[in-house]
């Protein structure tokens, strides 16, 4: 969103500078330009439409414009997910943990569980707690319920027991069984 903000602000400021300077320097010319542009737009787009259709199209364009502007405002003011969380140790010292580090550690530990083929973890900080979600892929013959519970317990152990961070809720684990890649026998080598 930062790159979009910069480009949007830069383009907006350039256009505002050009049209603002032109309006202050030659207001009658700018008003004539705006009037002729509006008349051209009206005749070329709305010229062959009835009054009711013209009104419906304008209302639709206004609704789309307002929706886009509200979406931009919402993206600007929404609170982004924290990338770090502050942990207070028993000794009283405060430590900031990067959530990406916790994600990697959870992936390593859950990946070490037998029957787990692939793990993807997502950790976000909410206030002074952590929300963890995992996507786990297991071998085809694995007990999915048991592996899901084991993965959730491992994530809980890493977050709460090892790092002393409070969990916002129980870790959310999505699990699926994957078909292991088919065994391909090596090609026979030809001897001369």
N, C-alpha and C. Protein backbone atom coordinates (compact mmCIF):
# COMPACT_ATOMS: atom_id res chain seq x y z
N UNK A 1 0.83 -1.19 0.00
CA UNK A 1 0.00 0.00 0.00
C UNK A 1 0.86 1.25 0.00
N UNK A 2 2.08 1.17 0.55
CA UNK A 2 2.95 2.35 0.58
C UNK A 2 3.32 2.82 -0.82
N UNK A 3 3.64 1.90 -1.72
CA UNK A 3 3.99 2.29 -3.09
C UNK A 3 2.79 2.93 -3.78
N UNK A 4 1.61 2.35 -3.59
CA UNK A 4 0.40 2.93 -4.18
C UNK A 4 0.16 4.33 -3.63
N UNK A 5 0.32 4.50 -2.32
CA UNK A 5 0.13 5.82 -1.71
C UNK A 5 1.08 6.85 -2.31
N UNK A 6 2.32 6.46 -2.49
CA UNK A 6 3.30 7.41 -3.04
C UNK A 6 2.94 7.81 -4.47
N UNK A 7 2.61 6.82 -5.30
CA UNK A 7 2.26 7.12 -6.69
C UNK A 7 0.98 7.96 -6.75
N UNK A 8 -0.03 7.57 -5.97
CA UNK A 8 -1.30 8.30 -5.96
C UNK A 8 -1.10 9.74 -5.50
N UNK A 9 -0.32 9.92 -4.45
CA UNK A 9 -0.05 11.27 -3.94
C UNK A 9 0.76 12.08 -4.94
N UNK A 10 1.76 11.48 -5.54
CA UNK A 10 2.60 12.19 -6.51
C UNK A 10 1.79 12.63 -7.72
N UNK A 11 0.99 11.74 -8.29
CA UNK A 11 0.17 12.08 -9.46
C UNK A 11 -0.85 13.15 -9.07
N UNK A 12 -1.48 12.99 -7.90
CA UNK A 12 -2.45 13.97 -7.44
C UNK A 12 -1.84 15.35 -7.26
N UNK A 13 -0.66 15.40 -6.68
CA UNK A 13 0.00 16.70 -6.47
C UNK A 13 0.43 17.34 -7.79
N UNK A 14 0.90 16.55 -8.73
CA UNK A 14 1.29 17.10 -10.03
C UNK A 14 0.07 17.68 -10.74
N UNK A 15 -1.05 16.91 -10.77
CA UNK A 15 -2.26 17.42 -11.41
C UNK A 15 -2.81 18.65 -10.70
N UNK A 16 -2.78 18.63 -9.38
CA UNK A 16 -3.26 19.78 -8.61
C UNK A 16 -2.40 21.01 -8.86
N UNK A 17 -1.10 20.82 -8.98
CA UNK A 17 -0.19 21.93 -9.26
C UNK A 17 -0.48 22.53 -10.64
N UNK A 18 -0.61 21.65 -11.64
CA UNK A 18 -0.84 22.15 -13.01
C UNK A 18 -2.18 22.88 -13.10
N UNK A 19 -3.25 22.21 -12.65
CA UNK A 19 -4.58 22.84 -12.77
C UNK A 19 -4.76 23.99 -11.80
N UNK A 20 -4.14 23.92 -10.63
CA UNK A 20 -4.22 25.04 -9.69
C UNK A 20 -3.53 26.27 -10.22
N UNK A 21 -2.32 26.10 -10.78
CA UNK A 21 -1.58 27.24 -11.34
C UNK A 21 -2.32 27.82 -12.54
N UNK A 22 -2.87 26.94 -13.39
CA UNK A 22 -3.61 27.43 -14.56
C UNK A 22 -4.88 28.16 -14.14
N UNK A 23 -5.56 27.66 -13.10
CA UNK A 23 -6.80 28.31 -12.63
C UNK A 23 -6.50 29.66 -11.99
N UNK A 24 -5.40 29.77 -11.29
CA UNK A 24 -5.05 31.05 -10.68
C UNK A 24 -4.54 32.04 -11.72
N UNK A 25 -3.84 31.55 -12.72
CA UNK A 25 -3.28 32.44 -13.75
C UNK A 25 -4.31 32.90 -14.77
N UNK A 26 -5.18 32.01 -15.19
CA UNK A 26 -6.17 32.37 -16.20
C UNK A 26 -7.49 31.69 -15.85
N UNK A 27 -8.23 32.24 -14.87
CA UNK A 27 -9.45 31.56 -14.42
C UNK A 27 -10.52 31.47 -15.50
N UNK A 28 -10.67 32.50 -16.33
CA UNK A 28 -11.71 32.46 -17.37
C UNK A 28 -11.39 31.38 -18.40
N UNK A 29 -10.13 31.26 -18.77
CA UNK A 29 -9.72 30.23 -19.74
C UNK A 29 -9.96 28.83 -19.17
N UNK A 30 -9.63 28.62 -17.89
CA UNK A 30 -9.83 27.30 -17.28
C UNK A 30 -11.32 26.96 -17.18
N UNK A 31 -12.16 27.95 -16.81
CA UNK A 31 -13.60 27.70 -16.76
C UNK A 31 -14.15 27.36 -18.15
N UNK A 32 -13.65 28.05 -19.18
CA UNK A 32 -14.06 27.74 -20.55
C UNK A 32 -13.62 26.34 -20.97
N UNK A 33 -12.40 25.95 -20.57
CA UNK A 33 -11.88 24.62 -20.88
C UNK A 33 -12.74 23.55 -20.19
N UNK A 34 -13.05 23.76 -18.91
CA UNK A 34 -13.87 22.80 -18.17
C UNK A 34 -15.27 22.71 -18.79
N UNK A 35 -15.84 23.86 -19.17
CA UNK A 35 -17.17 23.87 -19.77
C UNK A 35 -17.17 23.13 -21.11
N UNK A 36 -16.16 23.37 -21.95
CA UNK A 36 -16.11 22.69 -23.25
C UNK A 36 -15.85 21.19 -23.09
N UNK A 37 -15.01 20.80 -22.10
CA UNK A 37 -14.76 19.37 -21.85
C UNK A 37 -16.02 18.68 -21.36
N UNK A 38 -16.77 19.36 -20.48
CA UNK A 38 -18.02 18.78 -19.98
C UNK A 38 -19.05 18.65 -21.10
N UNK A 39 -19.13 19.66 -21.98
CA UNK A 39 -20.07 19.60 -23.10
C UNK A 39 -19.70 18.48 -24.06
N UNK A 40 -18.40 18.31 -24.36
CA UNK A 40 -17.94 17.24 -25.24
C UNK A 40 -18.26 15.87 -24.63
N UNK A 41 -17.98 15.72 -23.33
CA UNK A 41 -18.25 14.47 -22.63
C UNK A 41 -19.75 14.16 -22.65
N UNK A 42 -20.55 15.20 -22.42
CA UNK A 42 -22.01 15.02 -22.39
C UNK A 42 -22.55 14.59 -23.76
N UNK A 43 -22.08 15.24 -24.82
CA UNK A 43 -22.62 14.91 -26.16
C UNK A 43 -22.07 13.58 -26.68
N UNK A 44 -20.81 13.28 -26.42
CA UNK A 44 -20.23 12.05 -26.97
C UNK A 44 -20.68 10.81 -26.21
N UNK A 45 -20.86 10.90 -24.90
CA UNK A 45 -21.24 9.72 -24.12
C UNK A 45 -22.76 9.65 -23.92
N UNK A 46 -23.34 10.77 -23.50
CA UNK A 46 -24.75 10.77 -23.14
C UNK A 46 -25.66 11.33 -24.23
N UNK A 47 -25.14 11.70 -25.37
CA UNK A 47 -25.93 12.35 -26.40
C UNK A 47 -27.09 11.53 -26.93
N UNK A 48 -26.93 10.25 -27.11
CA UNK A 48 -27.97 9.40 -27.68
C UNK A 48 -28.84 8.70 -26.64
N UNK A 49 -28.66 9.05 -25.36
CA UNK A 49 -29.40 8.37 -24.30
C UNK A 49 -30.62 9.19 -23.88
N UNK A 50 -31.61 8.48 -23.39
CA UNK A 50 -32.79 9.17 -22.86
C UNK A 50 -32.44 9.74 -21.48
N UNK A 51 -33.28 10.61 -20.96
CA UNK A 51 -33.01 11.25 -19.68
C UNK A 51 -32.93 10.23 -18.54
N UNK A 52 -33.78 9.22 -18.57
CA UNK A 52 -33.79 8.20 -17.50
C UNK A 52 -32.51 7.38 -17.53
N UNK A 53 -32.10 6.93 -18.72
CA UNK A 53 -30.86 6.14 -18.85
C UNK A 53 -29.66 6.98 -18.45
N UNK A 54 -29.64 8.24 -18.87
CA UNK A 54 -28.55 9.15 -18.53
C UNK A 54 -28.44 9.30 -17.01
N UNK A 55 -29.58 9.44 -16.34
CA UNK A 55 -29.59 9.56 -14.88
C UNK A 55 -29.09 8.28 -14.22
N UNK A 56 -29.53 7.12 -14.72
CA UNK A 56 -29.09 5.84 -14.16
C UNK A 56 -27.58 5.63 -14.33
N UNK A 57 -27.06 5.99 -15.49
CA UNK A 57 -25.61 5.86 -15.73
C UNK A 57 -24.84 6.78 -14.80
N UNK A 58 -25.31 8.01 -14.62
CA UNK A 58 -24.61 8.94 -13.73
C UNK A 58 -24.65 8.47 -12.28
N UNK A 59 -25.80 7.93 -11.86
CA UNK A 59 -25.89 7.42 -10.49
C UNK A 59 -24.96 6.22 -10.32
N UNK A 60 -24.92 5.33 -11.30
CA UNK A 60 -24.02 4.17 -11.24
C UNK A 60 -22.56 4.62 -11.16
N UNK A 61 -22.17 5.59 -12.00
CA UNK A 61 -20.79 6.10 -11.96
C UNK A 61 -20.49 6.75 -10.61
N UNK A 62 -21.47 7.46 -10.03
CA UNK A 62 -21.26 8.08 -8.72
C UNK A 62 -21.08 7.03 -7.64
N UNK A 63 -21.87 5.96 -7.69
CA UNK A 63 -21.75 4.89 -6.70
C UNK A 63 -20.39 4.21 -6.82
N UNK A 64 -19.95 3.94 -8.04
CA UNK A 64 -18.62 3.32 -8.25
C UNK A 64 -17.53 4.24 -7.73
N UNK A 65 -17.63 5.54 -8.02
CA UNK A 65 -16.63 6.50 -7.56
C UNK A 65 -16.57 6.53 -6.03
N UNK A 66 -17.74 6.60 -5.38
CA UNK A 66 -17.78 6.63 -3.92
C UNK A 66 -17.22 5.33 -3.34
N UNK A 67 -17.54 4.18 -3.94
CA UNK A 67 -17.04 2.89 -3.45
C UNK A 67 -15.52 2.83 -3.54
N UNK A 68 -14.96 3.29 -4.65
CA UNK A 68 -13.50 3.29 -4.82
C UNK A 68 -12.85 4.22 -3.80
N UNK A 69 -13.41 5.41 -3.61
CA UNK A 69 -12.85 6.36 -2.64
C UNK A 69 -12.93 5.82 -1.22
N UNK A 70 -14.07 5.20 -0.85
CA UNK A 70 -14.19 4.62 0.49
C UNK A 70 -13.22 3.46 0.68
N UNK A 71 -13.01 2.66 -0.36
CA UNK A 71 -12.04 1.56 -0.27
C UNK A 71 -10.64 2.10 -0.06
N UNK A 72 -10.28 3.17 -0.75
CA UNK A 72 -8.96 3.78 -0.56
C UNK A 72 -8.80 4.35 0.84
N UNK A 73 -9.85 4.99 1.35
CA UNK A 73 -9.79 5.53 2.72
C UNK A 73 -9.67 4.39 3.72
N UNK A 74 -10.44 3.31 3.52
CA UNK A 74 -10.37 2.18 4.44
C UNK A 74 -8.98 1.55 4.44
N UNK A 75 -8.38 1.38 3.26
CA UNK A 75 -7.04 0.79 3.18
C UNK A 75 -6.01 1.69 3.85
N UNK A 76 -6.26 2.99 3.83
CA UNK A 76 -5.32 3.92 4.44
C UNK A 76 -5.42 3.93 5.96
N UNK A 77 -6.64 3.84 6.51
CA UNK A 77 -6.79 3.98 7.95
C UNK A 77 -6.85 2.65 8.70
N UNK A 78 -6.99 1.54 8.00
CA UNK A 78 -7.07 0.27 8.70
C UNK A 78 -5.74 0.00 9.40
N UNK A 79 -5.84 -0.70 10.47
CA UNK A 79 -4.66 -0.99 11.27
C UNK A 79 -3.95 -2.22 10.70
N UNK A 80 -2.72 -2.07 10.24
CA UNK A 80 -2.04 -3.24 9.67
C UNK A 80 -1.65 -4.24 10.76
N UNK A 81 -1.48 -5.47 10.35
CA UNK A 81 -1.06 -6.51 11.29
C UNK A 81 0.35 -6.19 11.79
N UNK A 82 0.53 -6.35 13.10
CA UNK A 82 1.84 -6.05 13.68
C UNK A 82 2.84 -7.12 13.25
N UNK A 83 4.03 -6.70 12.94
CA UNK A 83 5.07 -7.64 12.54
C UNK A 83 5.97 -8.04 13.71
N UNK A 84 5.79 -7.36 14.84
CA UNK A 84 6.53 -7.72 16.04
C UNK A 84 5.56 -7.73 17.21
N UNK A 85 5.97 -8.41 18.27
CA UNK A 85 5.18 -8.41 19.51
C UNK A 85 6.14 -8.26 20.67
N UNK A 86 5.69 -7.51 21.66
CA UNK A 86 6.51 -7.30 22.85
C UNK A 86 6.17 -8.35 23.89
N UNK A 87 7.21 -8.98 24.42
CA UNK A 87 7.05 -10.03 25.43
C UNK A 87 7.74 -9.57 26.70
N UNK A 88 7.05 -9.67 27.82
CA UNK A 88 7.65 -9.34 29.11
C UNK A 88 8.06 -10.65 29.77
N UNK A 89 9.34 -10.77 30.03
CA UNK A 89 9.87 -11.99 30.66
C UNK A 89 9.57 -11.97 32.16
N UNK A 90 9.78 -13.11 32.80
CA UNK A 90 9.56 -13.22 34.24
C UNK A 90 10.50 -12.28 34.98
N UNK A 91 11.68 -12.07 34.46
CA UNK A 91 12.65 -11.19 35.10
C UNK A 91 12.26 -9.71 34.98
N UNK A 92 11.26 -9.42 34.18
CA UNK A 92 10.81 -8.03 34.02
C UNK A 92 11.31 -7.37 32.76
N UNK A 93 12.29 -7.97 32.10
CA UNK A 93 12.80 -7.36 30.87
C UNK A 93 11.81 -7.55 29.73
N UNK A 94 11.80 -6.61 28.82
CA UNK A 94 10.90 -6.68 27.67
C UNK A 94 11.70 -6.99 26.42
N UNK A 95 11.14 -7.89 25.62
CA UNK A 95 11.80 -8.32 24.39
C UNK A 95 10.79 -8.19 23.26
N UNK A 96 11.26 -7.73 22.10
CA UNK A 96 10.40 -7.66 20.92
C UNK A 96 10.76 -8.83 20.02
N UNK A 97 9.74 -9.62 19.68
CA UNK A 97 9.93 -10.77 18.79
C UNK A 97 9.35 -10.45 17.42
N UNK A 98 10.07 -10.82 16.40
CA UNK A 98 9.58 -10.67 15.03
C UNK A 98 8.69 -11.88 14.74
N UNK A 99 7.48 -11.62 14.27
CA UNK A 99 6.54 -12.72 14.04
C UNK A 99 7.04 -13.68 12.97
N UNK A 100 7.83 -13.18 12.03
CA UNK A 100 8.37 -14.04 10.97
C UNK A 100 9.28 -15.12 11.56
N UNK A 101 10.01 -14.77 12.61
CA UNK A 101 10.87 -15.74 13.28
C UNK A 101 10.02 -16.85 13.91
N UNK A 102 8.92 -16.47 14.55
CA UNK A 102 8.03 -17.48 15.14
C UNK A 102 7.44 -18.38 14.06
N UNK A 103 7.08 -17.80 12.91
CA UNK A 103 6.55 -18.60 11.81
C UNK A 103 7.56 -19.65 11.36
N UNK A 104 8.81 -19.24 11.20
CA UNK A 104 9.85 -20.18 10.75
C UNK A 104 10.09 -21.27 11.78
N UNK A 105 10.10 -20.89 13.06
CA UNK A 105 10.33 -21.86 14.12
C UNK A 105 9.18 -22.87 14.20
N UNK A 106 7.95 -22.38 14.09
CA UNK A 106 6.79 -23.28 14.11
C UNK A 106 6.86 -24.24 12.91
N UNK A 107 7.21 -23.71 11.74
CA UNK A 107 7.32 -24.57 10.54
C UNK A 107 8.36 -25.66 10.75
N UNK A 108 9.51 -25.31 11.33
CA UNK A 108 10.55 -26.31 11.57
C UNK A 108 10.07 -27.39 12.51
N UNK A 109 9.43 -26.99 13.59
CA UNK A 109 9.00 -27.96 14.60
C UNK A 109 7.87 -28.84 14.08
N UNK A 110 6.89 -28.27 13.40
CA UNK A 110 5.76 -29.07 12.89
C UNK A 110 6.23 -29.96 11.75
N UNK A 111 7.16 -29.47 10.94
CA UNK A 111 7.70 -30.27 9.83
C UNK A 111 8.45 -31.49 10.35
N UNK A 112 8.96 -31.42 11.58
CA UNK A 112 9.69 -32.55 12.16
C UNK A 112 8.75 -33.65 12.64
N UNK A 113 7.45 -33.39 12.71
CA UNK A 113 6.49 -34.41 13.11
C UNK A 113 6.42 -35.47 12.00
N UNK A 114 6.44 -36.74 12.40
CA UNK A 114 6.42 -37.80 11.39
C UNK A 114 5.12 -37.76 10.61
N UNK A 115 5.22 -37.94 9.31
CA UNK A 115 4.05 -37.94 8.44
C UNK A 115 3.70 -36.58 7.88
N UNK A 116 4.35 -35.52 8.36
CA UNK A 116 4.09 -34.17 7.84
C UNK A 116 5.03 -33.91 6.67
N UNK A 117 4.45 -33.53 5.54
CA UNK A 117 5.25 -33.29 4.34
C UNK A 117 5.59 -31.81 4.13
N UNK A 118 4.65 -30.94 4.45
CA UNK A 118 4.86 -29.50 4.21
C UNK A 118 4.03 -28.70 5.21
N UNK A 119 4.59 -27.59 5.66
CA UNK A 119 3.91 -26.72 6.61
C UNK A 119 4.08 -25.27 6.18
N UNK A 120 3.01 -24.51 6.31
CA UNK A 120 3.07 -23.07 6.10
C UNK A 120 2.39 -22.43 7.30
N UNK A 121 3.10 -21.56 8.01
CA UNK A 121 2.55 -20.93 9.21
C UNK A 121 2.39 -19.44 8.99
N UNK A 122 1.36 -18.89 9.60
CA UNK A 122 1.11 -17.44 9.55
C UNK A 122 0.85 -16.99 10.98
N UNK A 123 1.67 -16.07 11.46
CA UNK A 123 1.55 -15.57 12.82
C UNK A 123 1.31 -14.07 12.75
N UNK A 124 0.25 -13.60 13.41
CA UNK A 124 -0.02 -12.17 13.47
C UNK A 124 -0.20 -11.78 14.92
N UNK A 125 0.27 -10.59 15.24
CA UNK A 125 0.14 -10.07 16.60
C UNK A 125 -1.13 -9.25 16.69
N UNK A 126 -1.88 -9.49 17.75
CA UNK A 126 -3.09 -8.71 18.02
C UNK A 126 -3.00 -8.26 19.46
N UNK A 127 -2.89 -6.96 19.65
CA UNK A 127 -2.68 -6.37 20.97
C UNK A 127 -1.41 -6.98 21.56
N UNK A 128 -1.52 -7.72 22.66
CA UNK A 128 -0.33 -8.34 23.24
C UNK A 128 -0.45 -9.85 23.19
N UNK A 129 -1.11 -10.33 22.15
CA UNK A 129 -1.28 -11.77 21.97
C UNK A 129 -0.98 -12.14 20.52
N UNK A 130 -0.88 -13.44 20.27
CA UNK A 130 -0.53 -13.95 18.95
C UNK A 130 -1.69 -14.80 18.42
N UNK A 131 -1.98 -14.64 17.14
CA UNK A 131 -2.92 -15.52 16.45
C UNK A 131 -2.10 -16.33 15.46
N UNK A 132 -2.19 -17.64 15.53
CA UNK A 132 -1.42 -18.51 14.65
C UNK A 132 -2.34 -19.36 13.80
N UNK A 133 -2.02 -19.44 12.51
CA UNK A 133 -2.75 -20.34 11.62
C UNK A 133 -1.73 -21.14 10.82
N UNK A 134 -2.03 -22.41 10.64
CA UNK A 134 -1.11 -23.31 9.95
C UNK A 134 -1.83 -24.04 8.83
N UNK A 135 -1.11 -24.26 7.75
CA UNK A 135 -1.58 -25.12 6.67
C UNK A 135 -0.61 -26.29 6.62
N UNK A 136 -1.13 -27.47 6.89
CA UNK A 136 -0.29 -28.66 7.01
C UNK A 136 -0.69 -29.67 5.95
N UNK A 137 0.31 -30.24 5.32
CA UNK A 137 0.11 -31.29 4.32
C UNK A 137 0.77 -32.56 4.86
N UNK A 138 0.00 -33.64 4.92
CA UNK A 138 0.53 -34.88 5.48
C UNK A 138 0.59 -35.97 4.43
N UNK A 139 1.22 -37.06 4.82
CA UNK A 139 1.25 -38.24 3.96
C UNK A 139 -0.16 -38.77 3.80
N UNK A 140 -0.38 -39.51 2.75
CA UNK A 140 -1.72 -39.99 2.40
C UNK A 140 -2.34 -40.88 3.48
N UNK A 141 -1.52 -41.67 4.16
CA UNK A 141 -2.05 -42.63 5.13
C UNK A 141 -2.08 -42.08 6.56
N UNK A 142 -1.81 -40.81 6.78
CA UNK A 142 -1.75 -40.24 8.12
C UNK A 142 -3.14 -40.03 8.70
N UNK A 143 -3.24 -40.09 10.01
CA UNK A 143 -4.48 -39.80 10.73
C UNK A 143 -4.59 -38.27 10.83
N UNK A 144 -5.50 -37.68 10.04
CA UNK A 144 -5.57 -36.23 9.92
C UNK A 144 -5.94 -35.54 11.24
N UNK A 145 -6.86 -36.12 11.98
CA UNK A 145 -7.29 -35.50 13.24
C UNK A 145 -6.13 -35.48 14.24
N UNK A 146 -5.43 -36.61 14.35
CA UNK A 146 -4.30 -36.69 15.28
C UNK A 146 -3.17 -35.74 14.86
N UNK A 147 -2.89 -35.67 13.57
CA UNK A 147 -1.82 -34.77 13.09
C UNK A 147 -2.20 -33.31 13.29
N UNK A 148 -3.49 -32.99 13.13
CA UNK A 148 -3.95 -31.61 13.34
C UNK A 148 -3.75 -31.21 14.80
N UNK A 149 -4.14 -32.10 15.70
CA UNK A 149 -3.97 -31.82 17.13
C UNK A 149 -2.50 -31.72 17.51
N UNK A 150 -1.68 -32.57 16.93
CA UNK A 150 -0.25 -32.56 17.21
C UNK A 150 0.39 -31.27 16.71
N UNK A 151 -0.01 -30.82 15.52
CA UNK A 151 0.52 -29.57 14.97
C UNK A 151 0.08 -28.37 15.81
N UNK A 152 -1.18 -28.35 16.25
CA UNK A 152 -1.66 -27.26 17.10
C UNK A 152 -0.93 -27.25 18.43
N UNK A 153 -0.71 -28.43 19.01
CA UNK A 153 0.02 -28.51 20.28
C UNK A 153 1.46 -28.04 20.12
N UNK A 154 2.09 -28.37 19.01
CA UNK A 154 3.47 -27.95 18.78
C UNK A 154 3.54 -26.42 18.64
N UNK A 155 2.61 -25.83 17.89
CA UNK A 155 2.58 -24.38 17.74
C UNK A 155 2.35 -23.70 19.09
N UNK A 156 1.42 -24.25 19.87
CA UNK A 156 1.13 -23.71 21.21
C UNK A 156 2.37 -23.81 22.10
N UNK A 157 3.10 -24.93 22.01
CA UNK A 157 4.30 -25.12 22.81
C UNK A 157 5.37 -24.08 22.46
N UNK A 158 5.56 -23.86 21.16
CA UNK A 158 6.57 -22.88 20.73
C UNK A 158 6.19 -21.48 21.20
N UNK A 159 4.94 -21.10 20.99
CA UNK A 159 4.51 -19.72 21.27
C UNK A 159 4.41 -19.47 22.77
N UNK A 160 3.72 -20.34 23.49
CA UNK A 160 3.47 -20.08 24.91
C UNK A 160 4.60 -20.55 25.81
N UNK A 161 5.01 -21.80 25.66
CA UNK A 161 5.98 -22.37 26.60
C UNK A 161 7.39 -21.84 26.38
N UNK A 162 7.84 -21.81 25.12
CA UNK A 162 9.21 -21.40 24.87
C UNK A 162 9.41 -19.89 24.88
N UNK A 163 8.43 -19.14 24.38
CA UNK A 163 8.62 -17.69 24.26
C UNK A 163 7.73 -16.88 25.18
N UNK A 164 6.82 -17.52 25.88
CA UNK A 164 6.00 -16.83 26.86
C UNK A 164 5.04 -15.81 26.27
N UNK A 165 4.62 -16.03 25.04
CA UNK A 165 3.68 -15.12 24.40
C UNK A 165 2.28 -15.69 24.56
N UNK A 166 1.33 -14.83 24.87
CA UNK A 166 -0.05 -15.26 25.05
C UNK A 166 -0.67 -15.52 23.68
N UNK A 167 -1.42 -16.61 23.57
CA UNK A 167 -2.15 -16.92 22.34
C UNK A 167 -3.50 -16.23 22.37
N UNK A 168 -3.88 -15.60 21.27
CA UNK A 168 -5.18 -14.94 21.15
C UNK A 168 -6.29 -15.97 21.19
N UNK A 169 -6.06 -17.09 20.52
CA UNK A 169 -7.00 -18.21 20.53
C UNK A 169 -6.19 -19.46 20.16
N UNK A 170 -6.86 -20.59 20.19
CA UNK A 170 -6.20 -21.85 19.82
C UNK A 170 -5.68 -21.73 18.38
N UNK A 171 -4.48 -22.24 18.09
CA UNK A 171 -3.97 -22.17 16.72
C UNK A 171 -4.93 -22.83 15.73
N UNK A 172 -5.16 -22.16 14.62
CA UNK A 172 -6.06 -22.68 13.58
C UNK A 172 -5.21 -23.52 12.62
N UNK A 173 -5.56 -24.78 12.47
CA UNK A 173 -4.78 -25.69 11.62
C UNK A 173 -5.67 -26.22 10.51
N UNK A 174 -5.29 -25.95 9.26
CA UNK A 174 -5.93 -26.55 8.10
C UNK A 174 -5.03 -27.70 7.65
N UNK A 175 -5.62 -28.86 7.50
CA UNK A 175 -4.79 -30.02 7.19
C UNK A 175 -5.38 -30.78 6.01
N UNK A 176 -4.50 -31.33 5.21
CA UNK A 176 -4.95 -32.15 4.09
C UNK A 176 -3.90 -33.22 3.82
N UNK A 177 -4.39 -34.34 3.31
CA UNK A 177 -3.49 -35.43 2.95
C UNK A 177 -3.06 -35.25 1.51
N UNK A 178 -1.82 -35.47 1.27
CA UNK A 178 -1.28 -35.34 -0.09
C UNK A 178 -0.84 -36.70 -0.57
N UNK A 179 -0.97 -36.88 -1.84
CA UNK A 179 -0.49 -38.12 -2.45
C UNK A 179 1.01 -37.96 -2.66
N UNK A 180 1.80 -38.88 -2.10
CA UNK A 180 3.24 -38.76 -2.31
C UNK A 180 3.58 -38.93 -3.78
N UNK A 181 4.68 -38.34 -4.22
CA UNK A 181 5.04 -38.49 -5.63
C UNK A 181 5.26 -39.96 -5.98
N UNK A 182 4.80 -40.31 -7.17
CA UNK A 182 4.92 -41.70 -7.62
C UNK A 182 6.39 -42.06 -7.80
N UNK A 183 6.71 -43.31 -7.45
CA UNK A 183 8.08 -43.78 -7.58
C UNK A 183 8.36 -44.08 -9.05
N UNK A 184 9.44 -43.49 -9.54
CA UNK A 184 9.84 -43.76 -10.92
C UNK A 184 11.16 -44.53 -10.87
N UNK A 185 11.13 -45.74 -11.39
CA UNK A 185 12.37 -46.52 -11.36
C UNK A 185 13.41 -45.87 -12.27
N UNK A 186 14.67 -45.99 -11.92
CA UNK A 186 15.71 -45.41 -12.77
C UNK A 186 15.75 -46.09 -14.13
N UNK A 187 16.11 -45.30 -15.11
CA UNK A 187 16.21 -45.86 -16.47
C UNK A 187 17.41 -46.79 -16.55
N UNK A 188 17.24 -47.91 -17.24
CA UNK A 188 18.38 -48.83 -17.37
C UNK A 188 19.47 -48.19 -18.23
N UNK A 189 20.67 -48.39 -17.82
CA UNK A 189 21.79 -47.85 -18.58
C UNK A 189 22.22 -48.88 -19.64
N UNK A 190 22.59 -48.37 -20.77
CA UNK A 190 23.03 -49.25 -21.85
C UNK A 190 24.53 -49.43 -21.75
N UNK A 191 24.95 -50.64 -21.83
CA UNK A 191 26.39 -50.93 -21.82
C UNK A 191 26.85 -51.27 -23.22
N UNK A 192 27.98 -50.75 -23.64
CA UNK A 192 28.45 -51.03 -24.99
C UNK A 192 28.97 -52.43 -25.17
